[in-house]
Amino acid sequence: LADVDELTTIKRELNYRISVQSAKLLRLLKQKDRLVHQVQKNCDIVTACLQAVSQKRCKYFLCMCVLV
């Protein structure tokens, strides 16, 4: 009978710990998703800036060729 009570206590403790770790994992996964989204947004901004600079250089180069 004592063994059954001990096993029940161990099972309850394990279930509690699993619940705590699952909550931590879920929180970290949500944080990771937010950070990945933020990084992607920043990459999109950098890409847009690079494309804008590239287009300006191309226009400048074409103007210089026409003037020469």
Protein backbone atom coordinates (compact mmCIF):
# COMPACT_ATOMS: atom_id res chain seq x y z
CA LEU A 1 0.00 0.00 0.00
CA ALA A 2 2.88 2.36 0.79
CA ASP A 3 4.44 1.56 -2.57
CA VAL A 4 1.21 2.48 -4.37
CA ASP A 5 1.02 5.78 -2.48
CA GLU A 6 4.66 6.49 -3.25
CA LEU A 7 4.15 5.74 -6.94
CA THR A 8 1.05 7.94 -7.00
CA THR A 9 3.04 10.78 -5.44
CA ILE A 10 5.86 10.31 -7.95
CA LYS A 11 3.37 10.26 -10.82
CA ARG A 12 1.71 13.45 -9.56
CA GLU A 13 5.12 15.16 -9.23
CA LEU A 14 6.15 14.07 -12.74
CA ASN A 15 2.88 15.33 -14.21
CA TYR A 16 3.40 18.67 -12.47
CA ARG A 17 6.96 18.99 -13.76
CA ILE A 18 5.88 18.04 -17.28
CA SER A 19 3.19 20.71 -17.10
CA VAL A 20 5.70 23.36 -15.97
CA GLN A 21 8.21 22.43 -18.67
CA SER A 22 5.48 22.37 -21.34
CA ALA A 23 4.43 25.89 -20.36
CA LYS A 24 8.07 27.05 -20.54
CA LEU A 25 8.52 25.40 -23.93
CA LEU A 26 5.35 26.98 -25.29
CA ARG A 27 6.44 30.43 -24.06
CA LEU A 28 9.88 30.02 -25.65
CA LEU A 29 8.40 28.82 -28.95
CA LYS A 30 6.12 31.85 -29.10
CA GLN A 31 9.09 34.09 -28.33
CA LYS A 32 11.12 32.38 -31.07
CA ASP A 33 8.28 32.91 -33.57
CA ARG A 34 8.12 36.61 -32.67
CA LEU A 35 11.88 36.99 -33.05
CA VAL A 36 11.96 35.13 -36.37
CA HIS A 37 9.18 37.41 -37.64
CA GLN A 38 11.10 40.47 -36.45
CA VAL A 39 14.31 39.30 -38.16
CA GLN A 40 12.41 38.65 -41.39
CA LYS A 41 10.88 42.11 -41.22
CA ASN A 42 14.32 43.65 -40.71
CA CYS A 43 15.73 41.64 -43.63
CA ASP A 44 12.90 42.88 -45.84
CA ILE A 45 13.74 46.48 -44.88
CA VAL A 46 17.44 45.96 -45.66
CA THR A 47 16.57 44.32 -48.97
CA ALA A 48 14.28 47.21 -49.91
CA CYS A 49 17.01 49.73 -49.04
CA LEU A 50 19.59 47.84 -51.09
CA GLN A 51 17.25 47.63 -54.06
CA ALA A 52 16.51 51.36 -53.83
CA VAL A 53 20.21 52.22 -53.72
CA SER A 54 20.90 49.84 -56.60
CA GLN A 55 18.18 51.45 -58.75
CA LYS A 56 19.53 54.93 -58.01
CA ARG A 57 23.03 53.84 -59.00
CA CYS A 58 21.68 52.30 -62.19
CA LYS A 59 19.80 55.52 -63.07
CA TYR A 60 22.89 57.59 -62.27
CA PHE A 61 25.03 55.33 -64.47
CA LEU A 62 22.53 55.56 -67.36
CA CYS A 63 22.42 59.36 -67.06
CA MET A 64 26.20 59.54 -67.15
CA CYS A 65 26.29 57.32 -70.25
CA VAL A 66 23.70 59.48 -72.03
CA LEU A 67 25.60 62.67 -71.19
CA VAL A 68 28.91 61.30 -72.51
